[in-house]
Amino acid sequence: MSTIKSSPYLYVLQHEIQSLREHMHQIAHEKKNLTDPDVVRISQLLDEKLNLHHKVLTSH
């Protein structure tokens, strides 16, 4: 029996987190501004995904 911790859902969530991190770093580097609206928007989305990841891991 598969648990949520080893499920495809968690794998996809981890992949999304990694992709968002890479994208945020790329945009921040290109714009040379950590407070650029695009960087902030991606950072906020990343925060949401990280919070969800934490919730999934601690609730099961």
PDB file of N, CA and C in Angstrom:
ATOM      1  N   MET A   1       0.841  -1.184   0.000  1.00  0.00           N
ATOM      2  CA  MET A   1       0.000   0.000   0.000  1.00  0.00           C
ATOM      3  C   MET A   1       0.884   1.244   0.000  1.00  0.00           C
ATOM      4  N   SER A   2       0.549   2.197  -0.833  1.00  0.00           N
ATOM      5  CA  SER A   2       1.315   3.425  -0.970  1.00  0.00           C
ATOM      6  C   SER A   2       0.808   4.491  -0.006  1.00  0.00           C
ATOM      7  N   THR A   3       1.733   5.213   0.582  1.00  0.00           N
ATOM      8  CA  THR A   3       1.354   6.327   1.440  1.00  0.00           C
ATOM      9  C   THR A   3       1.553   7.622   0.679  1.00  0.00           C
ATOM     10  N   ILE A   4       0.995   8.701   1.224  1.00  0.00           N
ATOM     11  CA  ILE A   4       1.127  10.007   0.581  1.00  0.00           C
ATOM     12  C   ILE A   4       2.590  10.426   0.492  1.00  0.00           C
ATOM     13  N   LYS A   5       3.414  10.006   1.467  1.00  0.00           N
ATOM     14  CA  LYS A   5       4.822  10.391   1.473  1.00  0.00           C
ATOM     15  C   LYS A   5       5.596   9.787   0.311  1.00  0.00           C
ATOM     16  N   SER A   6       5.114   8.704  -0.240  1.00  0.00           N
ATOM     17  CA  SER A   6       5.787   8.087  -1.379  1.00  0.00           C
ATOM     18  C   SER A   6       4.916   8.135  -2.636  1.00  0.00           C
ATOM     19  N   SER A   7       3.918   8.966  -2.608  1.00  0.00           N
ATOM     20  CA  SER A   7       2.962   9.005  -3.710  1.00  0.00           C
ATOM     21  C   SER A   7       3.457   9.872  -4.868  1.00  0.00           C
ATOM     22  N   PRO A   8       2.891   9.649  -6.037  1.00  0.00           N
ATOM     23  CA  PRO A   8       3.202  10.517  -7.177  1.00  0.00           C
ATOM     24  C   PRO A   8       2.847  11.985  -6.897  1.00  0.00           C
ATOM     25  N   TYR A   9       1.824  12.214  -6.082  1.00  0.00           N
ATOM     26  CA  TYR A   9       1.430  13.587  -5.738  1.00  0.00           C
ATOM     27  C   TYR A   9       2.586  14.324  -5.071  1.00  0.00           C
ATOM     28  N   LEU A  10       3.229  13.684  -4.105  1.00  0.00           N
ATOM     29  CA  LEU A  10       4.345  14.311  -3.402  1.00  0.00           C
ATOM     30  C   LEU A  10       5.521  14.517  -4.349  1.00  0.00           C
ATOM     31  N   TYR A  11       5.763  13.558  -5.216  1.00  0.00           N
ATOM     32  CA  TYR A  11       6.833  13.687  -6.199  1.00  0.00           C
ATOM     33  C   TYR A  11       6.583  14.900  -7.099  1.00  0.00           C
ATOM     34  N   VAL A  12       5.361  15.056  -7.568  1.00  0.00           N
ATOM     35  CA  VAL A  12       5.009  16.188  -8.428  1.00  0.00           C
ATOM     36  C   VAL A  12       5.175  17.502  -7.664  1.00  0.00           C
ATOM     37  N   LEU A  13       4.743  17.529  -6.428  1.00  0.00           N
ATOM     38  CA  LEU A  13       4.873  18.728  -5.601  1.00  0.00           C
ATOM     39  C   LEU A  13       6.346  19.089  -5.420  1.00  0.00           C
ATOM     40  N   GLN A  14       7.182  18.116  -5.156  1.00  0.00           N
ATOM     41  CA  GLN A  14       8.617  18.367  -4.997  1.00  0.00           C
ATOM     42  C   GLN A  14       9.227  18.880  -6.302  1.00  0.00           C
ATOM     43  N   HIS A  15       8.779  18.344  -7.402  1.00  0.00           N
ATOM     44  CA  HIS A  15       9.265  18.807  -8.711  1.00  0.00           C
ATOM     45  C   HIS A  15       8.837  20.260  -8.952  1.00  0.00           C
ATOM     46  N   GLU A  16       7.600  20.590  -8.616  1.00  0.00           N
ATOM     47  CA  GLU A  16       7.118  21.969  -8.765  1.00  0.00           C
ATOM     48  C   GLU A  16       7.949  22.922  -7.911  1.00  0.00           C
ATOM     49  N   ILE A  17       8.261  22.517  -6.694  1.00  0.00           N
ATOM     50  CA  ILE A  17       9.070  23.349  -5.796  1.00  0.00           C
ATOM     51  C   ILE A  17      10.439  23.603  -6.403  1.00  0.00           C
ATOM     52  N   GLN A  18      11.077  22.558  -6.890  1.00  0.00           N
ATOM     53  CA  GLN A  18      12.401  22.706  -7.482  1.00  0.00           C
ATOM     54  C   GLN A  18      12.349  23.602  -8.726  1.00  0.00           C
ATOM     55  N   SER A  19      11.345  23.424  -9.549  1.00  0.00           N
ATOM     56  CA  SER A  19      11.207  24.244 -10.760  1.00  0.00           C
ATOM     57  C   SER A  19      10.984  25.715 -10.418  1.00  0.00           C
ATOM     58  N   LEU A  20      10.146  25.970  -9.424  1.00  0.00           N
ATOM     59  CA  LEU A  20       9.898  27.349  -9.001  1.00  0.00           C
ATOM     60  C   LEU A  20      11.159  27.989  -8.438  1.00  0.00           C
ATOM     61  N   ARG A  21      11.918  27.242  -7.658  1.00  0.00           N
ATOM     62  CA  ARG A  21      13.183  27.768  -7.113  1.00  0.00           C
ATOM     63  C   ARG A  21      14.122  28.175  -8.245  1.00  0.00           C
ATOM     64  N   GLU A  22      14.278  27.282  -9.202  1.00  0.00           N
ATOM     65  CA  GLU A  22      15.173  27.559 -10.322  1.00  0.00           C
ATOM     66  C   GLU A  22      14.694  28.765 -11.120  1.00  0.00           C
ATOM     67  N   HIS A  23      13.405  28.830 -11.363  1.00  0.00           N
ATOM     68  CA  HIS A  23      12.832  29.937 -12.121  1.00  0.00           C
ATOM     69  C   HIS A  23      13.008  31.257 -11.366  1.00  0.00           C
ATOM     70  N   MET A  24      12.763  31.237 -10.071  1.00  0.00           N
ATOM     71  CA  MET A  24      12.910  32.449  -9.263  1.00  0.00           C
ATOM     72  C   MET A  24      14.356  32.942  -9.290  1.00  0.00           C
ATOM     73  N   HIS A  25      15.313  32.024  -9.147  1.00  0.00           N
ATOM     74  CA  HIS A  25      16.726  32.411  -9.183  1.00  0.00           C
ATOM     75  C   HIS A  25      17.104  32.979 -10.548  1.00  0.00           C
ATOM     76  N   GLN A  26      16.583  32.368 -11.597  1.00  0.00           N
ATOM     77  CA  GLN A  26      16.879  32.826 -12.952  1.00  0.00           C
ATOM     78  C   GLN A  26      16.344  34.243 -13.178  1.00  0.00           C
ATOM     79  N   ILE A  27      15.100  34.483 -12.804  1.00  0.00           N
ATOM     80  CA  ILE A  27      14.491  35.801 -12.988  1.00  0.00           C
ATOM     81  C   ILE A  27      15.217  36.846 -12.131  1.00  0.00           C
ATOM     82  N   ALA A  28      15.526  36.505 -10.900  1.00  0.00           N
ATOM     83  CA  ALA A  28      16.232  37.437 -10.014  1.00  0.00           C
ATOM     84  C   ALA A  28      17.604  37.785 -10.590  1.00  0.00           C
ATOM     85  N   HIS A  29      18.271  36.794 -11.135  1.00  0.00           N
ATOM     86  CA  HIS A  29      19.582  37.036 -11.740  1.00  0.00           C
ATOM     87  C   HIS A  29      19.460  37.926 -12.977  1.00  0.00           C
ATOM     88  N   GLU A  30      18.476  37.641 -13.823  1.00  0.00           N
ATOM     89  CA  GLU A  30      18.283  38.426 -15.049  1.00  0.00           C
ATOM     90  C   GLU A  30      17.926  39.879 -14.747  1.00  0.00           C
ATOM     91  N   LYS A  31      17.058  40.078 -13.786  1.00  0.00           N
ATOM     92  CA  LYS A  31      16.576  41.425 -13.475  1.00  0.00           C
ATOM     93  C   LYS A  31      17.453  42.145 -12.459  1.00  0.00           C
ATOM     94  N   LYS A  32      18.345  41.369 -11.816  1.00  0.00           N
ATOM     95  CA  LYS A  32      19.250  41.930 -10.812  1.00  0.00           C
ATOM     96  C   LYS A  32      18.502  42.731  -9.751  1.00  0.00           C
ATOM     97  N   ASN A  33      17.348  42.191  -9.365  1.00  0.00           N
ATOM     98  CA  ASN A  33      16.490  42.893  -8.409  1.00  0.00           C
ATOM     99  C   ASN A  33      15.595  41.867  -7.705  1.00  0.00           C
ATOM    100  N   LEU A  34      15.859  41.649  -6.423  1.00  0.00           N
ATOM    101  CA  LEU A  34      15.070  40.673  -5.671  1.00  0.00           C
ATOM    102  C   LEU A  34      13.658  41.150  -5.370  1.00  0.00           C
ATOM    103  N   THR A  35      13.397  42.439  -5.528  1.00  0.00           N
ATOM    104  CA  THR A  35      12.057  42.966  -5.245  1.00  0.00           C
ATOM    105  C   THR A  35      11.250  43.211  -6.512  1.00  0.00           C
ATOM    106  N   ASP A  36      11.743  42.733  -7.629  1.00  0.00           N
ATOM    107  CA  ASP A  36      10.984  42.828  -8.881  1.00  0.00           C
ATOM    108  C   ASP A  36       9.663  42.078  -8.709  1.00  0.00           C
ATOM    109  N   PRO A  37       8.570  42.635  -9.220  1.00  0.00           N
ATOM    110  CA  PRO A  37       7.260  41.983  -9.050  1.00  0.00           C
ATOM    111  C   PRO A  37       7.219  40.530  -9.528  1.00  0.00           C
ATOM    112  N   ASP A  38       7.937  40.200 -10.579  1.00  0.00           N
ATOM    113  CA  ASP A  38       7.958  38.811 -11.055  1.00  0.00           C
ATOM    114  C   ASP A  38       8.648  37.892 -10.050  1.00  0.00           C
ATOM    115  N   VAL A  39       9.739  38.365  -9.472  1.00  0.00           N
ATOM    116  CA  VAL A  39      10.460  37.573  -8.471  1.00  0.00           C
ATOM    117  C   VAL A  39       9.585  37.390  -7.232  1.00  0.00           C
ATOM    118  N   VAL A  40       8.941  38.450  -6.808  1.00  0.00           N
ATOM    119  CA  VAL A  40       8.075  38.378  -5.625  1.00  0.00           C
ATOM    120  C   VAL A  40       6.910  37.428  -5.863  1.00  0.00           C
ATOM    121  N   ARG A  41       6.302  37.497  -7.045  1.00  0.00           N
ATOM    122  CA  ARG A  41       5.170  36.624  -7.367  1.00  0.00           C
ATOM    123  C   ARG A  41       5.590  35.156  -7.329  1.00  0.00           C
ATOM    124  N   ILE A  42       6.726  34.842  -7.924  1.00  0.00           N
ATOM    125  CA  ILE A  42       7.214  33.463  -7.922  1.00  0.00           C
ATOM    126  C   ILE A  42       7.565  33.026  -6.499  1.00  0.00           C
ATOM    127  N   SER A  43       8.162  33.921  -5.744  1.00  0.00           N
ATOM    128  CA  SER A  43       8.502  33.621  -4.350  1.00  0.00           C
ATOM    129  C   SER A  43       7.255  33.299  -3.530  1.00  0.00           C
ATOM    130  N   GLN A  44       6.202  34.039  -3.747  1.00  0.00           N
ATOM    131  CA  GLN A  44       4.951  33.784  -3.019  1.00  0.00           C
ATOM    132  C   GLN A  44       4.352  32.441  -3.407  1.00  0.00           C
ATOM    133  N   LEU A  45       4.401  32.118  -4.680  1.00  0.00           N
ATOM    134  CA  LEU A  45       3.900  30.824  -5.134  1.00  0.00           C
ATOM    135  C   LEU A  45       4.761  29.692  -4.551  1.00  0.00           C
ATOM    136  N   LEU A  46       6.055  29.911  -4.528  1.00  0.00           N
ATOM    137  CA  LEU A  46       6.953  28.932  -3.932  1.00  0.00           C
ATOM    138  C   LEU A  46       6.630  28.736  -2.450  1.00  0.00           C
ATOM    139  N   ASP A  47       6.371  29.817  -1.739  1.00  0.00           N
ATOM    140  CA  ASP A  47       5.984  29.715  -0.324  1.00  0.00           C
ATOM    141  C   ASP A  47       4.730  28.862  -0.156  1.00  0.00           C
ATOM    142  N   GLU A  48       3.752  29.064  -1.018  1.00  0.00           N
ATOM    143  CA  GLU A  48       2.517  28.279  -0.940  1.00  0.00           C
ATOM    144  C   GLU A  48       2.808  26.788  -1.132  1.00  0.00           C
ATOM    145  N   LYS A  49       3.641  26.483  -2.115  1.00  0.00           N
ATOM    146  CA  LYS A  49       3.982  25.077  -2.386  1.00  0.00           C
ATOM    147  C   LYS A  49       4.771  24.472  -1.230  1.00  0.00           C
ATOM    148  N   LEU A  50       5.692  25.246  -0.651  1.00  0.00           N
ATOM    149  CA  LEU A  50       6.463  24.746   0.484  1.00  0.00           C
ATOM    150  C   LEU A  50       5.568  24.510   1.694  1.00  0.00           C
ATOM    151  N   ASN A  51       4.628  25.394   1.925  1.00  0.00           N
ATOM    152  CA  ASN A  51       3.685  25.202   3.029  1.00  0.00           C
ATOM    153  C   ASN A  51       2.844  23.955   2.816  1.00  0.00           C
ATOM    154  N   LEU A  52       2.395  23.746   1.600  1.00  0.00           N
ATOM    155  CA  LEU A  52       1.615  22.560   1.278  1.00  0.00           C
ATOM    156  C   LEU A  52       2.458  21.300   1.474  1.00  0.00           C
ATOM    157  N   HIS A  53       3.687  21.340   1.026  1.00  0.00           N
ATOM    158  CA  HIS A  53       4.605  20.211   1.182  1.00  0.00           C
ATOM    159  C   HIS A  53       4.774  19.870   2.661  1.00  0.00           C
ATOM    160  N   HIS A  54       4.992  20.878   3.470  1.00  0.00           N
ATOM    161  CA  HIS A  54       5.142  20.669   4.912  1.00  0.00           C
ATOM    162  C   HIS A  54       3.868  20.069   5.512  1.00  0.00           C
ATOM    163  N   LYS A  55       2.742  20.581   5.093  1.00  0.00           N
ATOM    164  CA  LYS A  55       1.461  20.087   5.603  1.00  0.00           C
ATOM    165  C   LYS A  55       1.263  18.618   5.243  1.00  0.00           C
ATOM    166  N   VAL A  56       1.584  18.266   4.025  1.00  0.00           N
ATOM    167  CA  VAL A  56       1.441  16.877   3.582  1.00  0.00           C
ATOM    168  C   VAL A  56       2.355  15.963   4.402  1.00  0.00           C
ATOM    169  N   LEU A  57       3.586  16.376   4.598  1.00  0.00           N
ATOM    170  CA  LEU A  57       4.539  15.527   5.323  1.00  0.00           C
ATOM    171  C   LEU A  57       4.207  15.398   6.803  1.00  0.00           C
ATOM    172  N   THR A  58       3.666  16.428   7.389  1.00  0.00           N
ATOM    173  CA  THR A  58       3.409  16.373   8.838  1.00  0.00           C
ATOM    174  C   THR A  58       2.022  15.860   9.184  1.00  0.00           C
ATOM    175  N   SER A  59       1.147  15.744   8.215  1.00  0.00           N
ATOM    176  CA  SER A  59      -0.216  15.308   8.522  1.00  0.00           C
ATOM    177  C   SER A  59      -0.421  13.809   8.326  1.00  0.00           C
ATOM    178  N   HIS A  60       0.566  13.125   7.812  1.00  0.00           N
ATOM    179  CA  HIS A  60       0.408  11.678   7.563  1.00  0.00           C
ATOM    180  C   HIS A  60       1.504  10.897   8.226  1.00  0.00           C
TER     181      HIS A  60
END
